[in-house]
Amino acid sequence: MGERIRFYRMNKKLSITTLASLAGISKGHLSNIENNGSNPSIHILNKLAEALEINVEKLINNPEDKLDPEWTELILQAKNEGISKEEVRSFLAYESWKQFLKKEG
C-alpha cells in the first residue's frame, strides 16, 4: 500500500512534507507508511486520498498487474523529463527491432 501512496504522491509532484501537511499527519508517519513500516488506519487513508484528490479505493485495492517500484519510478521519471508516450513507444519498438536482429544474426 505504501508504494501506491508514493506513486500517487509523485504523480501529483508533491513532496512527502507537502502531502503529510495536506493530510494532517507527520512527515515521519507518512514516510513510515510509504516504506511499508506501518499500515495506515482507514481514517489516515481517507485523509491521504483526499489530499491526493483520488478515491480511497485506489490506495486500498491492489491491481493485478502491479508494477514494481523501480518500474514506477522509471515511468514517473520519463514523464517528469517530458518524454512523451509516443517517444517511449518508439524506443520500445527500436529495442524490439534490435533484439530481433540479434536473434536473426
C-alpha atoms as a PDB file:
ATOM      1  CA  MET A   1       0.000   0.000   0.000  1.00  0.00           C
ATOM      2  CA  GLY A   2       2.881   2.349   0.737  1.00  0.00           C
ATOM      3  CA  GLU A   3       4.102   2.029  -2.838  1.00  0.00           C
ATOM      4  CA  ARG A   4       0.699   3.110  -4.167  1.00  0.00           C
ATOM      5  CA  ILE A   5       0.649   6.136  -1.885  1.00  0.00           C
ATOM      6  CA  ARG A   6       4.147   7.080  -3.060  1.00  0.00           C
ATOM      7  CA  PHE A   7       3.125   6.567  -6.699  1.00  0.00           C
ATOM      8  CA  TYR A   8       0.154   8.924  -6.435  1.00  0.00           C
ATOM      9  CA  ARG A   9       2.184  11.449  -4.414  1.00  0.00           C
ATOM     10  CA  MET A  10       4.933  11.518  -7.022  1.00  0.00           C
ATOM     11  CA  ASN A  11       2.391  11.633  -9.833  1.00  0.00           C
ATOM     12  CA  LYS A  12       0.982  14.806  -8.245  1.00  0.00           C
ATOM     13  CA  LYS A  13       4.564  16.092  -7.867  1.00  0.00           C
ATOM     14  CA  LEU A  14       4.124  16.515  -4.120  1.00  0.00           C
ATOM     15  CA  SER A  15       6.949  16.242  -1.632  1.00  0.00           C
ATOM     16  CA  ILE A  16       6.495  13.933   1.317  1.00  0.00           C
ATOM     17  CA  THR A  17       6.402  17.032   3.546  1.00  0.00           C
ATOM     18  CA  THR A  18       3.662  18.659   1.477  1.00  0.00           C
ATOM     19  CA  LEU A  19       1.438  15.569   1.366  1.00  0.00           C
ATOM     20  CA  ALA A  20       1.896  14.977   5.084  1.00  0.00           C
ATOM     21  CA  SER A  21       0.881  18.576   5.761  1.00  0.00           C
ATOM     22  CA  LEU A  22      -2.156  18.364   3.467  1.00  0.00           C
ATOM     23  CA  ALA A  23      -3.261  15.134   5.156  1.00  0.00           C
ATOM     24  CA  GLY A  24      -2.612  16.448   8.657  1.00  0.00           C
ATOM     25  CA  ILE A  25      -0.067  13.796   9.610  1.00  0.00           C
ATOM     26  CA  SER A  26       3.629  13.951  10.403  1.00  0.00           C
ATOM     27  CA  LYS A  27       6.269  13.602   7.710  1.00  0.00           C
ATOM     28  CA  GLY A  28       7.806  10.701   9.644  1.00  0.00           C
ATOM     29  CA  HIS A  29       4.496   8.858   9.826  1.00  0.00           C
ATOM     30  CA  LEU A  30       3.925   9.265   6.081  1.00  0.00           C
ATOM     31  CA  SER A  31       7.479   8.107   5.363  1.00  0.00           C
ATOM     32  CA  ASN A  32       6.905   5.047   7.538  1.00  0.00           C
ATOM     33  CA  ILE A  33       3.661   4.278   5.667  1.00  0.00           C
ATOM     34  CA  GLU A  34       5.292   4.703   2.232  1.00  0.00           C
ATOM     35  CA  ASN A  35       8.125   2.385   3.247  1.00  0.00           C
ATOM     36  CA  ASN A  36       5.599  -0.222   4.435  1.00  0.00           C
ATOM     37  CA  GLY A  37       6.770   0.182   8.023  1.00  0.00           C
ATOM     38  CA  SER A  38       3.189   0.544   9.213  1.00  0.00           C
ATOM     39  CA  ASN A  39      -0.314   0.191   7.868  1.00  0.00           C
ATOM     40  CA  PRO A  40      -2.368   3.367   8.000  1.00  0.00           C
ATOM     41  CA  SER A  41      -5.806   3.431   9.590  1.00  0.00           C
ATOM     42  CA  ILE A  42      -8.810   3.944   7.341  1.00  0.00           C
ATOM     43  CA  HIS A  43      -9.034   7.466   8.779  1.00  0.00           C
ATOM     44  CA  ILE A  44      -5.474   8.249   7.616  1.00  0.00           C
ATOM     45  CA  LEU A  45      -6.126   6.591   4.244  1.00  0.00           C
ATOM     46  CA  ASN A  46      -9.154   8.821   3.747  1.00  0.00           C
ATOM     47  CA  LYS A  47      -7.090  11.903   4.611  1.00  0.00           C
ATOM     48  CA  LEU A  48      -4.337  10.866   2.175  1.00  0.00           C
ATOM     49  CA  ALA A  49      -6.820  10.110  -0.605  1.00  0.00           C
ATOM     50  CA  GLU A  50      -8.488  13.482  -0.085  1.00  0.00           C
ATOM     51  CA  ALA A  51      -5.113  15.267  -0.166  1.00  0.00           C
ATOM     52  CA  LEU A  52      -4.164  13.361  -3.333  1.00  0.00           C
ATOM     53  CA  GLU A  53      -7.582  14.072  -4.863  1.00  0.00           C
ATOM     54  CA  ILE A  54      -8.226  10.393  -5.572  1.00  0.00           C
ATOM     55  CA  ASN A  55     -10.729   7.776  -4.451  1.00  0.00           C
ATOM     56  CA  VAL A  56      -9.529   5.893  -1.372  1.00  0.00           C
ATOM     57  CA  GLU A  57     -10.132   2.611  -3.247  1.00  0.00           C
ATOM     58  CA  LYS A  58      -7.113   3.411  -5.422  1.00  0.00           C
ATOM     59  CA  LEU A  59      -4.959   3.238  -2.296  1.00  0.00           C
ATOM     60  CA  ILE A  60      -6.594   0.116  -0.901  1.00  0.00           C
ATOM     61  CA  ASN A  61      -7.038  -2.101  -3.954  1.00  0.00           C
ATOM     62  CA  ASN A  62      -4.028  -3.983  -5.200  1.00  0.00           C
ATOM     63  CA  PRO A  63      -4.074  -4.076  -9.013  1.00  0.00           C
ATOM     64  CA  GLU A  64      -3.385  -7.487 -10.526  1.00  0.00           C
ATOM     65  CA  ASP A  65      -0.714  -6.238 -12.905  1.00  0.00           C
ATOM     66  CA  LYS A  66       1.172  -4.218 -10.357  1.00  0.00           C
ATOM     67  CA  LEU A  67       4.453  -2.650 -11.425  1.00  0.00           C
ATOM     68  CA  ASP A  68       7.339  -2.976  -9.034  1.00  0.00           C
ATOM     69  CA  PRO A  69       8.576   0.320  -7.547  1.00  0.00           C
ATOM     70  CA  GLU A  70      11.553   0.590  -9.898  1.00  0.00           C
ATOM     71  CA  TRP A  71       9.280   0.494 -12.975  1.00  0.00           C
ATOM     72  CA  THR A  72       7.022   3.067 -11.367  1.00  0.00           C
ATOM     73  CA  GLU A  73       9.980   5.358 -10.695  1.00  0.00           C
ATOM     74  CA  LEU A  74      11.226   4.985 -14.274  1.00  0.00           C
ATOM     75  CA  ILE A  75       7.806   5.818 -15.689  1.00  0.00           C
ATOM     76  CA  LEU A  76       7.468   8.861 -13.443  1.00  0.00           C
ATOM     77  CA  GLN A  77      10.988   9.991 -14.315  1.00  0.00           C
ATOM     78  CA  ALA A  78      10.258   9.747 -18.041  1.00  0.00           C
ATOM     79  CA  LYS A  79       7.026  11.670 -17.561  1.00  0.00           C
ATOM     80  CA  ASN A  80       8.719  14.356 -15.459  1.00  0.00           C
ATOM     81  CA  GLU A  81      11.507  14.681 -18.046  1.00  0.00           C
ATOM     82  CA  GLY A  82       8.897  15.486 -20.672  1.00  0.00           C
ATOM     83  CA  ILE A  83       9.271  12.222 -22.578  1.00  0.00           C
ATOM     84  CA  SER A  84       6.031  11.542 -24.434  1.00  0.00           C
ATOM     85  CA  LYS A  85       4.211   8.221 -24.628  1.00  0.00           C
ATOM     86  CA  GLU A  86       4.963   8.156 -28.349  1.00  0.00           C
ATOM     87  CA  GLU A  87       8.703   8.554 -27.662  1.00  0.00           C
ATOM     88  CA  VAL A  88       8.548   5.637 -25.217  1.00  0.00           C
ATOM     89  CA  ARG A  89       6.685   3.535 -27.806  1.00  0.00           C
ATOM     90  CA  SER A  90       9.305   4.408 -30.452  1.00  0.00           C
ATOM     91  CA  PHE A  91      12.111   3.459 -28.089  1.00  0.00           C
ATOM     92  CA  LEU A  92      10.436   0.132 -27.282  1.00  0.00           C
ATOM     93  CA  ALA A  93       9.908  -0.607 -30.978  1.00  0.00           C
ATOM     94  CA  TYR A  94      13.570   0.190 -31.668  1.00  0.00           C
ATOM     95  CA  GLU A  95      14.753  -2.059 -28.816  1.00  0.00           C
ATOM     96  CA  SER A  96      12.486  -4.884 -30.025  1.00  0.00           C
ATOM     97  CA  TRP A  97      13.889  -4.479 -33.532  1.00  0.00           C
ATOM     98  CA  LYS A  98      17.482  -4.658 -32.187  1.00  0.00           C
ATOM     99  CA  GLN A  99      16.682  -7.841 -30.258  1.00  0.00           C
ATOM    100  CA  PHE A 100      15.074  -9.343 -33.349  1.00  0.00           C
ATOM    101  CA  LEU A 101      18.222  -8.591 -35.386  1.00  0.00           C
ATOM    102  CA  LYS A 102      20.408 -10.220 -32.726  1.00  0.00           C
ATOM    103  CA  LYS A 103      18.328 -13.399 -32.878  1.00  0.00           C
ATOM    104  CA  GLU A 104      18.413 -13.438 -36.679  1.00  0.00           C
ATOM    105  CA  GLY A 105      22.123 -12.624 -36.916  1.00  0.00           C
END
